[in-house]
Amino acid sequence: MASTELPSAQQRRRLLAETSPSLGEVGRSFMEAGRWGEALECFSEAKDMEGAAQLAAKALETGDLFFYGQAQRVLKHQPAAGELKELARNADAAGKAAFSATARNSISNGDDEP
């Protein structure tokens, strides 16, 4: 499915309600289009851990603490301090000071959940 063919909100809700076998593919299309919230919704419902892990990696790379944390919840994974340090560095580089500060605070408090 090309990103120009993304389902409408109504179509996505129908796919989610039916737990369509194409949800993982739809999630990847949303992810490629930068619509990470919708992608995670699809990955979660499809139990597509590979898709959720790919999104977590993208969020880590871009320093996006919110979507990183959401993907980790789908994966049922507690991020290690090293991952949070990397996320904080990437967030700094991307000018996301609040995400960086929150990640660093999570490390210093021993709280591995963003």
PDB file of N, CA and C in Angstrom:
ATOM      1  N   MET A   1       0.854  -1.171   0.000  1.00  0.00           N
ATOM      2  CA  MET A   1       0.000   0.000   0.000  1.00  0.00           C
ATOM      3  C   MET A   1       0.895   1.227   0.000  1.00  0.00           C
ATOM      4  N   ALA A   2       0.780   2.053  -1.012  1.00  0.00           N
ATOM      5  CA  ALA A   2       1.577   3.275  -1.094  1.00  0.00           C
ATOM      6  C   ALA A   2       1.033   4.303  -0.124  1.00  0.00           C
ATOM      7  N   SER A   3       1.918   5.205   0.314  1.00  0.00           N
ATOM      8  CA  SER A   3       1.489   6.190   1.305  1.00  0.00           C
ATOM      9  C   SER A   3       0.415   7.116   0.757  1.00  0.00           C
ATOM     10  N   THR A   4       0.272   7.224  -0.587  1.00  0.00           N
ATOM     11  CA  THR A   4      -0.804   8.035  -1.151  1.00  0.00           C
ATOM     12  C   THR A   4      -2.140   7.316  -1.031  1.00  0.00           C
ATOM     13  N   GLU A   5      -2.106   6.028  -0.676  1.00  0.00           N
ATOM     14  CA  GLU A   5      -3.318   5.229  -0.568  1.00  0.00           C
ATOM     15  C   GLU A   5      -3.656   4.902   0.888  1.00  0.00           C
ATOM     16  N   LEU A   6      -3.269   5.761   1.790  1.00  0.00           N
ATOM     17  CA  LEU A   6      -3.564   5.512   3.197  1.00  0.00           C
ATOM     18  C   LEU A   6      -5.070   5.469   3.414  1.00  0.00           C
ATOM     19  N   PRO A   7      -5.519   4.570   4.272  1.00  0.00           N
ATOM     20  CA  PRO A   7      -6.958   4.508   4.539  1.00  0.00           C
ATOM     21  C   PRO A   7      -7.433   5.765   5.269  1.00  0.00           C
ATOM     22  N   SER A   8      -8.667   6.102   5.016  1.00  0.00           N
ATOM     23  CA  SER A   8      -9.284   7.216   5.740  1.00  0.00           C
ATOM     24  C   SER A   8      -9.480   6.783   7.191  1.00  0.00           C
ATOM     25  N   ALA A   9      -9.832   7.730   8.031  1.00  0.00           N
ATOM     26  CA  ALA A   9     -10.075   7.405   9.444  1.00  0.00           C
ATOM     27  C   ALA A   9     -11.171   6.348   9.563  1.00  0.00           C
ATOM     28  N   GLN A  10     -12.211   6.479   8.781  1.00  0.00           N
ATOM     29  CA  GLN A  10     -13.313   5.516   8.830  1.00  0.00           C
ATOM     30  C   GLN A  10     -12.838   4.129   8.384  1.00  0.00           C
ATOM     31  N   GLN A  11     -12.059   4.074   7.303  1.00  0.00           N
ATOM     32  CA  GLN A  11     -11.543   2.789   6.836  1.00  0.00           C
ATOM     33  C   GLN A  11     -10.607   2.162   7.875  1.00  0.00           C
ATOM     34  N   ARG A  12      -9.758   3.004   8.504  1.00  0.00           N
ATOM     35  CA  ARG A  12      -8.834   2.499   9.526  1.00  0.00           C
ATOM     36  C   ARG A  12      -9.608   1.934  10.704  1.00  0.00           C
ATOM     37  N   ARG A  13     -10.659   2.636  11.140  1.00  0.00           N
ATOM     38  CA  ARG A  13     -11.472   2.128  12.254  1.00  0.00           C
ATOM     39  C   ARG A  13     -12.105   0.787  11.898  1.00  0.00           C
ATOM     40  N   ARG A  14     -12.547   0.654  10.659  1.00  0.00           N
ATOM     41  CA  ARG A  14     -13.148  -0.611  10.223  1.00  0.00           C
ATOM     42  C   ARG A  14     -12.094  -1.728  10.246  1.00  0.00           C
ATOM     43  N   LEU A  15     -10.902  -1.434   9.736  1.00  0.00           N
ATOM     44  CA  LEU A  15      -9.828  -2.430   9.751  1.00  0.00           C
ATOM     45  C   LEU A  15      -9.486  -2.847  11.181  1.00  0.00           C
ATOM     46  N   LEU A  16      -9.431  -1.871  12.078  1.00  0.00           N
ATOM     47  CA  LEU A  16      -9.125  -2.167  13.480  1.00  0.00           C
ATOM     48  C   LEU A  16     -10.226  -3.000  14.123  1.00  0.00           C
ATOM     49  N   ALA A  17     -11.468  -2.669  13.831  1.00  0.00           N
ATOM     50  CA  ALA A  17     -12.598  -3.395  14.413  1.00  0.00           C
ATOM     51  C   ALA A  17     -12.637  -4.838  13.926  1.00  0.00           C
ATOM     52  N   GLU A  18     -12.257  -5.040  12.689  1.00  0.00           N
ATOM     53  CA  GLU A  18     -12.282  -6.378  12.108  1.00  0.00           C
ATOM     54  C   GLU A  18     -10.986  -7.146  12.363  1.00  0.00           C
ATOM     55  N   THR A  19      -9.997  -6.481  12.960  1.00  0.00           N
ATOM     56  CA  THR A  19      -8.655  -7.041  13.126  1.00  0.00           C
ATOM     57  C   THR A  19      -8.204  -7.645  11.799  1.00  0.00           C
ATOM     58  N   SER A  20      -8.195  -6.797  10.796  1.00  0.00           N
ATOM     59  CA  SER A  20      -7.832  -7.191   9.443  1.00  0.00           C
ATOM     60  C   SER A  20      -6.421  -7.752   9.379  1.00  0.00           C
ATOM     61  N   PRO A  21      -6.210  -8.780   8.568  1.00  0.00           N
ATOM     62  CA  PRO A  21      -4.862  -9.333   8.424  1.00  0.00           C
ATOM     63  C   PRO A  21      -3.887  -8.345   7.780  1.00  0.00           C
ATOM     64  N   SER A  22      -4.395  -7.291   7.162  1.00  0.00           N
ATOM     65  CA  SER A  22      -3.518  -6.308   6.517  1.00  0.00           C
ATOM     66  C   SER A  22      -3.114  -5.170   7.450  1.00  0.00           C
ATOM     67  N   LEU A  23      -3.474  -5.259   8.739  1.00  0.00           N
ATOM     68  CA  LEU A  23      -3.167  -4.164   9.670  1.00  0.00           C
ATOM     69  C   LEU A  23      -1.674  -3.872   9.779  1.00  0.00           C
ATOM     70  N   GLY A  24      -0.838  -4.888   9.768  1.00  0.00           N
ATOM     71  CA  GLY A  24       0.604  -4.665   9.838  1.00  0.00           C
ATOM     72  C   GLY A  24       1.096  -3.866   8.648  1.00  0.00           C
ATOM     73  N   GLU A  25       0.625  -4.226   7.467  1.00  0.00           N
ATOM     74  CA  GLU A  25       0.990  -3.511   6.242  1.00  0.00           C
ATOM     75  C   GLU A  25       0.477  -2.069   6.288  1.00  0.00           C
ATOM     76  N   VAL A  26      -0.746  -1.904   6.752  1.00  0.00           N
ATOM     77  CA  VAL A  26      -1.321  -0.566   6.881  1.00  0.00           C
ATOM     78  C   VAL A  26      -0.496   0.245   7.886  1.00  0.00           C
ATOM     79  N   GLY A  27      -0.110  -0.384   8.983  1.00  0.00           N
ATOM     80  CA  GLY A  27       0.719   0.284   9.985  1.00  0.00           C
ATOM     81  C   GLY A  27       2.037   0.746   9.398  1.00  0.00           C
ATOM     82  N   ARG A  28       2.666  -0.083   8.580  1.00  0.00           N
ATOM     83  CA  ARG A  28       3.930   0.306   7.947  1.00  0.00           C
ATOM     84  C   ARG A  28       3.729   1.487   7.000  1.00  0.00           C
ATOM     85  N   SER A  29       2.610   1.505   6.297  1.00  0.00           N
ATOM     86  CA  SER A  29       2.316   2.635   5.405  1.00  0.00           C
ATOM     87  C   SER A  29       2.151   3.921   6.211  1.00  0.00           C
ATOM     88  N   PHE A  30       1.439   3.828   7.329  1.00  0.00           N
ATOM     89  CA  PHE A  30       1.301   5.006   8.190  1.00  0.00           C
ATOM     90  C   PHE A  30       2.665   5.443   8.721  1.00  0.00           C
ATOM     91  N   MET A  31       3.488   4.470   9.128  1.00  0.00           N
ATOM     92  CA  MET A  31       4.803   4.802   9.669  1.00  0.00           C
ATOM     93  C   MET A  31       5.642   5.524   8.612  1.00  0.00           C
ATOM     94  N   GLU A  32       5.635   5.018   7.391  1.00  0.00           N
ATOM     95  CA  GLU A  32       6.394   5.638   6.309  1.00  0.00           C
ATOM     96  C   GLU A  32       5.907   7.056   6.021  1.00  0.00           C
ATOM     97  N   ALA A  33       4.624   7.296   6.254  1.00  0.00           N
ATOM     98  CA  ALA A  33       4.051   8.612   6.020  1.00  0.00           C
ATOM     99  C   ALA A  33       4.269   9.550   7.210  1.00  0.00           C
ATOM    100  N   GLY A  34       4.912   9.039   8.265  1.00  0.00           N
ATOM    101  CA  GLY A  34       5.165   9.858   9.443  1.00  0.00           C
ATOM    102  C   GLY A  34       3.987   9.962  10.382  1.00  0.00           C
ATOM    103  N   ARG A  35       3.000   9.127  10.200  1.00  0.00           N
ATOM    104  CA  ARG A  35       1.796   9.132  11.038  1.00  0.00           C
ATOM    105  C   ARG A  35       1.927   7.998  12.055  1.00  0.00           C
ATOM    106  N   TRP A  36       2.829   8.242  13.016  1.00  0.00           N
ATOM    107  CA  TRP A  36       3.235   7.203  13.941  1.00  0.00           C
ATOM    108  C   TRP A  36       2.140   6.781  14.903  1.00  0.00           C
ATOM    109  N   GLY A  37       1.270   7.659  15.295  1.00  0.00           N
ATOM    110  CA  GLY A  37       0.184   7.292  16.201  1.00  0.00           C
ATOM    111  C   GLY A  37      -0.735   6.260  15.574  1.00  0.00           C
ATOM    112  N   GLU A  38      -1.102   6.499  14.336  1.00  0.00           N
ATOM    113  CA  GLU A  38      -1.964   5.552  13.634  1.00  0.00           C
ATOM    114  C   GLU A  38      -1.212   4.249  13.363  1.00  0.00           C
ATOM    115  N   ALA A  39       0.073   4.358  13.072  1.00  0.00           N
ATOM    116  CA  ALA A  39       0.883   3.157  12.845  1.00  0.00           C
ATOM    117  C   ALA A  39       0.898   2.282  14.102  1.00  0.00           C
ATOM    118  N   LEU A  40       1.139   2.902  15.243  1.00  0.00           N
ATOM    119  CA  LEU A  40       1.176   2.128  16.494  1.00  0.00           C
ATOM    120  C   LEU A  40      -0.165   1.499  16.813  1.00  0.00           C
ATOM    121  N   GLU A  41      -1.227   2.212  16.521  1.00  0.00           N
ATOM    122  CA  GLU A  41      -2.563   1.656  16.747  1.00  0.00           C
ATOM    123  C   GLU A  41      -2.736   0.375  15.924  1.00  0.00           C
ATOM    124  N   CYS A  42      -2.301   0.416  14.673  1.00  0.00           N
ATOM    125  CA  CYS A  42      -2.398  -0.765  13.810  1.00  0.00           C
ATOM    126  C   CYS A  42      -1.491  -1.885  14.301  1.00  0.00           C
ATOM    127  N   PHE A  43      -0.230  -1.549  14.641  1.00  0.00           N
ATOM    128  CA  PHE A  43       0.703  -2.572  15.115  1.00  0.00           C
ATOM    129  C   PHE A  43       0.192  -3.228  16.392  1.00  0.00           C
ATOM    130  N   SER A  44      -0.344  -2.430  17.280  1.00  0.00           N
ATOM    131  CA  SER A  44      -0.840  -2.952  18.547  1.00  0.00           C
ATOM    132  C   SER A  44      -1.987  -3.928  18.323  1.00  0.00           C
ATOM    133  N   GLU A  45      -2.946  -3.525  17.528  1.00  0.00           N
ATOM    134  CA  GLU A  45      -4.109  -4.378  17.284  1.00  0.00           C
ATOM    135  C   GLU A  45      -3.718  -5.655  16.538  1.00  0.00           C
ATOM    136  N   ALA A  46      -2.754  -5.531  15.606  1.00  0.00           N
ATOM    137  CA  ALA A  46      -2.308  -6.689  14.824  1.00  0.00           C
ATOM    138  C   ALA A  46      -1.316  -7.554  15.597  1.00  0.00           C
ATOM    139  N   LYS A  47      -0.891  -7.065  16.760  1.00  0.00           N
ATOM    140  CA  LYS A  47       0.155  -7.741  17.539  1.00  0.00           C
ATOM    141  C   LYS A  47       1.415  -7.912  16.682  1.00  0.00           C
ATOM    142  N   ASP A  48       1.703  -6.860  15.915  1.00  0.00           N
ATOM    143  CA  ASP A  48       2.856  -6.823  15.013  1.00  0.00           C
ATOM    144  C   ASP A  48       4.045  -6.242  15.772  1.00  0.00           C
ATOM    145  N   MET A  49       4.760  -7.109  16.462  1.00  0.00           N
ATOM    146  CA  MET A  49       5.875  -6.657  17.287  1.00  0.00           C
ATOM    147  C   MET A  49       7.037  -6.161  16.432  1.00  0.00           C
ATOM    148  N   GLU A  50       7.217  -6.721  15.261  1.00  0.00           N
ATOM    149  CA  GLU A  50       8.286  -6.267  14.369  1.00  0.00           C
ATOM    150  C   GLU A  50       8.025  -4.821  13.937  1.00  0.00           C
ATOM    151  N   GLY A  51       6.796  -4.518  13.576  1.00  0.00           N
ATOM    152  CA  GLY A  51       6.450  -3.145  13.188  1.00  0.00           C
ATOM    153  C   GLY A  51       6.627  -2.180  14.351  1.00  0.00           C
ATOM    154  N   ALA A  52       6.191  -2.592  15.536  1.00  0.00           N
ATOM    155  CA  ALA A  52       6.338  -1.742  16.722  1.00  0.00           C
ATOM    156  C   ALA A  52       7.810  -1.521  17.046  1.00  0.00           C
ATOM    157  N   ALA A  53       8.639  -2.559  16.862  1.00  0.00           N
ATOM    158  CA  ALA A  53      10.079  -2.423  17.116  1.00  0.00           C
ATOM    159  C   ALA A  53      10.720  -1.477  16.105  1.00  0.00           C
ATOM    160  N   GLN A  54      10.283  -1.544  14.865  1.00  0.00           N
ATOM    161  CA  GLN A  54      10.808  -0.620  13.849  1.00  0.00           C
ATOM    162  C   GLN A  54      10.442   0.813  14.198  1.00  0.00           C
ATOM    163  N   LEU A  55       9.229   1.024  14.666  1.00  0.00           N
ATOM    164  CA  LEU A  55       8.814   2.370  15.043  1.00  0.00           C
ATOM    165  C   LEU A  55       9.589   2.842  16.274  1.00  0.00           C
ATOM    166  N   ALA A  56       9.817   1.957  17.232  1.00  0.00           N
ATOM    167  CA  ALA A  56      10.607   2.312  18.412  1.00  0.00           C
ATOM    168  C   ALA A  56      12.006   2.735  17.997  1.00  0.00           C
ATOM    169  N   ALA A  57      12.592   2.031  17.033  1.00  0.00           N
ATOM    170  CA  ALA A  57      13.935   2.369  16.556  1.00  0.00           C
ATOM    171  C   ALA A  57      13.945   3.739  15.887  1.00  0.00           C
ATOM    172  N   LYS A  58      12.917   4.036  15.102  1.00  0.00           N
ATOM    173  CA  LYS A  58      12.827   5.351  14.454  1.00  0.00           C
ATOM    174  C   LYS A  58      12.660   6.451  15.498  1.00  0.00           C
ATOM    175  N   ALA A  59      11.839   6.189  16.493  1.00  0.00           N
ATOM    176  CA  ALA A  59      11.618   7.186  17.546  1.00  0.00           C
ATOM    177  C   ALA A  59      12.897   7.404  18.344  1.00  0.00           C
ATOM    178  N   LEU A  60      13.624   6.332  18.625  1.00  0.00           N
ATOM    179  CA  LEU A  60      14.899   6.448  19.333  1.00  0.00           C
ATOM    180  C   LEU A  60      15.869   7.293  18.510  1.00  0.00           C
ATOM    181  N   GLU A  61      15.938   7.016  17.226  1.00  0.00           N
ATOM    182  CA  GLU A  61      16.847   7.720  16.320  1.00  0.00           C
ATOM    183  C   GLU A  61      16.529   9.212  16.219  1.00  0.00           C
ATOM    184  N   THR A  62      15.246   9.552  16.273  1.00  0.00           N
ATOM    185  CA  THR A  62      14.844  10.953  16.134  1.00  0.00           C
ATOM    186  C   THR A  62      14.690  11.656  17.477  1.00  0.00           C
ATOM    187  N   GLY A  63      14.871  10.918  18.575  1.00  0.00           N
ATOM    188  CA  GLY A  63      14.754  11.524  19.899  1.00  0.00           C
ATOM    189  C   GLY A  63      13.330  11.814  20.315  1.00  0.00           C
ATOM    190  N   ASP A  64      12.383  11.044  19.791  1.00  0.00           N
ATOM    191  CA  ASP A  64      10.975  11.260  20.110  1.00  0.00           C
ATOM    192  C   ASP A  64      10.565  10.363  21.279  1.00  0.00           C
ATOM    193  N   LEU A  65      10.661  10.911  22.470  1.00  0.00           N
ATOM    194  CA  LEU A  65      10.388  10.150  23.688  1.00  0.00           C
ATOM    195  C   LEU A  65       8.949   9.657  23.748  1.00  0.00           C
ATOM    196  N   PHE A  66       8.002  10.458  23.297  1.00  0.00           N
ATOM    197  CA  PHE A  66       6.600  10.059  23.381  1.00  0.00           C
ATOM    198  C   PHE A  66       6.355   8.767  22.598  1.00  0.00           C
ATOM    199  N   PHE A  67       6.703   8.759  21.318  1.00  0.00           N
ATOM    200  CA  PHE A  67       6.426   7.576  20.509  1.00  0.00           C
ATOM    201  C   PHE A  67       7.335   6.416  20.874  1.00  0.00           C
ATOM    202  N   TYR A  68       8.533   6.715  21.359  1.00  0.00           N
ATOM    203  CA  TYR A  68       9.407   5.654  21.845  1.00  0.00           C
ATOM    204  C   TYR A  68       8.729   4.939  23.016  1.00  0.00           C
ATOM    205  N   GLY A  69       8.212   5.703  23.954  1.00  0.00           N
ATOM    206  CA  GLY A  69       7.530   5.121  25.108  1.00  0.00           C
ATOM    207  C   GLY A  69       6.287   4.349  24.714  1.00  0.00           C
ATOM    208  N   GLN A  70       5.528   4.895  23.768  1.00  0.00           N
ATOM    209  CA  GLN A  70       4.323   4.202  23.305  1.00  0.00           C
ATOM    210  C   GLN A  70       4.675   2.872  22.646  1.00  0.00           C
ATOM    211  N   ALA A  71       5.718   2.874  21.807  1.00  0.00           N
ATOM    212  CA  ALA A  71       6.135   1.633  21.144  1.00  0.00           C
ATOM    213  C   ALA A  71       6.634   0.624  22.175  1.00  0.00           C
ATOM    214  N   GLN A  72       7.349   1.099  23.183  1.00  0.00           N
ATOM    215  CA  GLN A  72       7.837   0.197  24.227  1.00  0.00           C
ATOM    216  C   GLN A  72       6.667  -0.450  24.978  1.00  0.00           C
ATOM    217  N   ARG A  73       5.602   0.286  25.183  1.00  0.00           N
ATOM    218  CA  ARG A  73       4.423  -0.278  25.852  1.00  0.00           C
ATOM    219  C   ARG A  73       3.791  -1.373  25.002  1.00  0.00           C
ATOM    220  N   VAL A  74       3.708  -1.153  23.681  1.00  0.00           N
ATOM    221  CA  VAL A  74       3.173  -2.176  22.789  1.00  0.00           C
ATOM    222  C   VAL A  74       4.052  -3.423  22.857  1.00  0.00           C
ATOM    223  N   LEU A  75       5.369  -3.206  22.913  1.00  0.00           N
ATOM    224  CA  LEU A  75       6.319  -4.311  22.956  1.00  0.00           C
ATOM    225  C   LEU A  75       6.427  -4.961  24.341  1.00  0.00           C
ATOM    226  N   LYS A  76       5.828  -4.293  25.348  1.00  0.00           N
ATOM    227  CA  LYS A  76       5.936  -4.747  26.733  1.00  0.00           C
ATOM    228  C   LYS A  76       7.408  -4.858  27.136  1.00  0.00           C
ATOM    229  N   HIS A  77       8.146  -3.805  26.811  1.00  0.00           N
ATOM    230  CA  HIS A  77       9.588  -3.770  27.033  1.00  0.00           C
ATOM    231  C   HIS A  77       9.936  -2.570  27.900  1.00  0.00           C
ATOM    232  N   GLN A  78      10.782  -2.780  28.864  1.00  0.00           N
ATOM    233  CA  GLN A  78      11.298  -1.696  29.695  1.00  0.00           C
ATOM    234  C   GLN A  78      12.625  -1.248  29.092  1.00  0.00           C
ATOM    235  N   PRO A  79      12.725   0.010  28.661  1.00  0.00           N
ATOM    236  CA  PRO A  79      13.971   0.458  28.050  1.00  0.00           C
ATOM    237  C   PRO A  79      15.117   0.490  29.062  1.00  0.00           C
ATOM    238  N   ALA A  80      16.272   0.125  28.603  1.00  0.00           N
ATOM    239  CA  ALA A  80      17.471   0.150  29.440  1.00  0.00           C
ATOM    240  C   ALA A  80      17.981   1.584  29.542  1.00  0.00           C
ATOM    241  N   ALA A  81      18.773   1.826  30.575  1.00  0.00           N
ATOM    242  CA  ALA A  81      19.337   3.164  30.776  1.00  0.00           C
ATOM    243  C   ALA A  81      20.134   3.600  29.551  1.00  0.00           C
ATOM    244  N   GLY A  82      20.834   2.673  28.906  1.00  0.00           N
ATOM    245  CA  GLY A  82      21.605   3.002  27.701  1.00  0.00           C
ATOM    246  C   GLY A  82      20.726   3.514  26.578  1.00  0.00           C
ATOM    247  N   GLU A  83      19.554   2.909  26.419  1.00  0.00           N
ATOM    248  CA  GLU A  83      18.613   3.364  25.386  1.00  0.00           C
ATOM    249  C   GLU A  83      18.116   4.771  25.703  1.00  0.00           C
ATOM    250  N   LEU A  84      17.814   5.018  26.967  1.00  0.00           N
ATOM    251  CA  LEU A  84      17.339   6.340  27.361  1.00  0.00           C
ATOM    252  C   LEU A  84      18.430   7.400  27.194  1.00  0.00           C
ATOM    253  N   LYS A  85      19.682   7.025  27.461  1.00  0.00           N
ATOM    254  CA  LYS A  85      20.793   7.961  27.243  1.00  0.00           C
ATOM    255  C   LYS A  85      20.917   8.295  25.767  1.00  0.00           C
ATOM    256  N   GLU A  86      20.805   7.273  24.923  1.00  0.00           N
ATOM    257  CA  GLU A  86      20.877   7.502  23.478  1.00  0.00           C
ATOM    258  C   GLU A  86      19.724   8.386  23.020  1.00  0.00           C
ATOM    259  N   LEU A  87      18.540   8.102  23.539  1.00  0.00           N
ATOM    260  CA  LEU A  87      17.384   8.920  23.175  1.00  0.00           C
ATOM    261  C   LEU A  87      17.603  10.372  23.608  1.00  0.00           C
ATOM    262  N   ALA A  88      18.126  10.579  24.803  1.00  0.00           N
ATOM    263  CA  ALA A  88      18.380  11.940  25.290  1.00  0.00           C
ATOM    264  C   ALA A  88      19.368  12.662  24.377  1.00  0.00           C
ATOM    265  N   ARG A  89      20.439  11.973  23.960  1.00  0.00           N
ATOM    266  CA  ARG A  89      21.419  12.582  23.043  1.00  0.00           C
ATOM    267  C   ARG A  89      20.762  12.937  21.717  1.00  0.00           C
ATOM    268  N   ASN A  90      19.958  12.019  21.196  1.00  0.00           N
ATOM    269  CA  ASN A  90      19.294  12.262  19.913  1.00  0.00           C
ATOM    270  C   ASN A  90      18.271  13.384  20.026  1.00  0.00           C
ATOM    271  N   ALA A  91      17.587  13.444  21.153  1.00  0.00           N
ATOM    272  CA  ALA A  91      16.612  14.513  21.374  1.00  0.00           C
ATOM    273  C   ALA A  91      17.329  15.861  21.443  1.00  0.00           C
ATOM    274  N   ASP A  92      18.479  15.903  22.124  1.00  0.00           N
ATOM    275  CA  ASP A  92      19.278  17.142  22.166  1.00  0.00           C
ATOM    276  C   ASP A  92      19.650  17.583  20.756  1.00  0.00           C
ATOM    277  N   ALA A  93      20.137  16.642  19.962  1.00  0.00           N
ATOM    278  CA  ALA A  93      20.573  16.955  18.594  1.00  0.00           C
ATOM    279  C   ALA A  93      19.409  17.455  17.738  1.00  0.00           C
ATOM    280  N   ALA A  94      18.198  16.974  18.040  1.00  0.00           N
ATOM    281  CA  ALA A  94      17.019  17.369  17.268  1.00  0.00           C
ATOM    282  C   ALA A  94      16.334  18.607  17.840  1.00  0.00           C
ATOM    283  N   GLY A  95      16.885  19.151  18.920  1.00  0.00           N
ATOM    284  CA  GLY A  95      16.283  20.341  19.524  1.00  0.00           C
ATOM    285  C   GLY A  95      15.036  20.043  20.342  1.00  0.00           C
ATOM    286  N   LYS A  96      14.933  18.836  20.831  1.00  0.00           N
ATOM    287  CA  LYS A  96      13.777  18.421  21.630  1.00  0.00           C
ATOM    288  C   LYS A  96      14.183  18.388  23.099  1.00  0.00           C
ATOM    289  N   ALA A  97      14.352  19.575  23.665  1.00  0.00           N
ATOM    290  CA  ALA A  97      14.896  19.705  25.014  1.00  0.00           C
ATOM    291  C   ALA A  97      14.021  19.031  26.067  1.00  0.00           C
ATOM    292  N   ALA A  98      12.715  19.127  25.935  1.00  0.00           N
ATOM    293  CA  ALA A  98      11.825  18.526  26.937  1.00  0.00           C
ATOM    294  C   ALA A  98      11.950  17.005  26.924  1.00  0.00           C
ATOM    295  N   PHE A  99      12.022  16.412  25.741  1.00  0.00           N
ATOM    296  CA  PHE A  99      12.183  14.958  25.658  1.00  0.00           C
ATOM    297  C   PHE A  99      13.525  14.541  26.252  1.00  0.00           C
ATOM    298  N   SER A 100      14.560  15.316  25.947  1.00  0.00           N
ATOM    299  CA  SER A 100      15.882  15.012  26.474  1.00  0.00           C
ATOM    300  C   SER A 100      15.887  15.070  27.996  1.00  0.00           C
ATOM    301  N   ALA A 101      15.318  16.130  28.537  1.00  0.00           N
ATOM    302  CA  ALA A 101      15.299  16.300  29.997  1.00  0.00           C
ATOM    303  C   ALA A 101      14.504  15.181  30.669  1.00  0.00           C
ATOM    304  N   THR A 102      13.387  14.811  30.097  1.00  0.00           N
ATOM    305  CA  THR A 102      12.566  13.748  30.681  1.00  0.00           C
ATOM    306  C   THR A 102      13.306  12.414  30.637  1.00  0.00           C
ATOM    307  N   ALA A 103      13.966  12.118  29.517  1.00  0.00           N
ATOM    308  CA  ALA A 103      14.724  10.866  29.414  1.00  0.00           C
ATOM    309  C   ALA A 103      15.855  10.843  30.433  1.00  0.00           C
ATOM    310  N   ARG A 104      16.577  11.955  30.556  1.00  0.00           N
ATOM    311  CA  ARG A 104      17.682  12.016  31.525  1.00  0.00           C
ATOM    312  C   ARG A 104      17.152  11.900  32.962  1.00  0.00           C
ATOM    313  N   ASN A 105      16.022  12.514  33.225  1.00  0.00           N
ATOM    314  CA  ASN A 105      15.413  12.431  34.552  1.00  0.00           C
ATOM    315  C   ASN A 105      14.992  10.998  34.869  1.00  0.00           C
ATOM    316  N   SER A 106      14.488  10.287  33.867  1.00  0.00           N
ATOM    317  CA  SER A 106      14.103   8.882  34.061  1.00  0.00           C
ATOM    318  C   SER A 106      15.311   8.045  34.440  1.00  0.00           C
ATOM    319  N   ILE A 107      16.457   8.358  33.837  1.00  0.00           N
ATOM    320  CA  ILE A 107      17.681   7.614  34.129  1.00  0.00           C
ATOM    321  C   ILE A 107      18.131   7.901  35.561  1.00  0.00           C
ATOM    322  N   SER A 108      18.144   9.175  35.929  1.00  0.00           N
ATOM    323  CA  SER A 108      18.657   9.545  37.257  1.00  0.00           C
ATOM    324  C   SER A 108      17.745   9.070  38.379  1.00  0.00           C
ATOM    325  N   ASN A 109      16.454   8.894  38.079  1.00  0.00           N
ATOM    326  CA  ASN A 109      15.514   8.396  39.085  1.00  0.00           C
ATOM    327  C   ASN A 109      15.440   6.878  39.120  1.00  0.00           C
ATOM    328  N   GLY A 110      16.178   6.257  38.216  1.00  0.00           N
ATOM    329  CA  GLY A 110      16.125   4.799  38.154  1.00  0.00           C
ATOM    330  C   GLY A 110      14.827   4.298  37.562  1.00  0.00           C
ATOM    331  N   ASP A 111      14.077   5.185  36.968  1.00  0.00           N
ATOM    332  CA  ASP A 111      12.790   4.847  36.358  1.00  0.00           C
ATOM    333  C   ASP A 111      13.040   4.572  34.891  1.00  0.00           C
ATOM    334  N   ASP A 112      12.987   3.308  34.486  1.00  0.00           N
ATOM    335  CA  ASP A 112      13.290   2.950  33.104  1.00  0.00           C
ATOM    336  C   ASP A 112      12.121   3.186  32.164  1.00  0.00           C
ATOM    337  N   GLU A 113      10.987   3.617  32.641  1.00  0.00           N
ATOM    338  CA  GLU A 113       9.854   3.813  31.742  1.00  0.00           C
ATOM    339  C   GLU A 113       9.728   5.288  31.384  1.00  0.00           C
ATOM    340  N   PRO A 114       9.818   5.609  30.061  1.00  0.00           N
ATOM    341  CA  PRO A 114       9.688   7.008  29.651  1.00  0.00           C
ATOM    342  C   PRO A 114       8.285   7.529  29.835  1.00  0.00           C
TER     343      PRO A 114
END
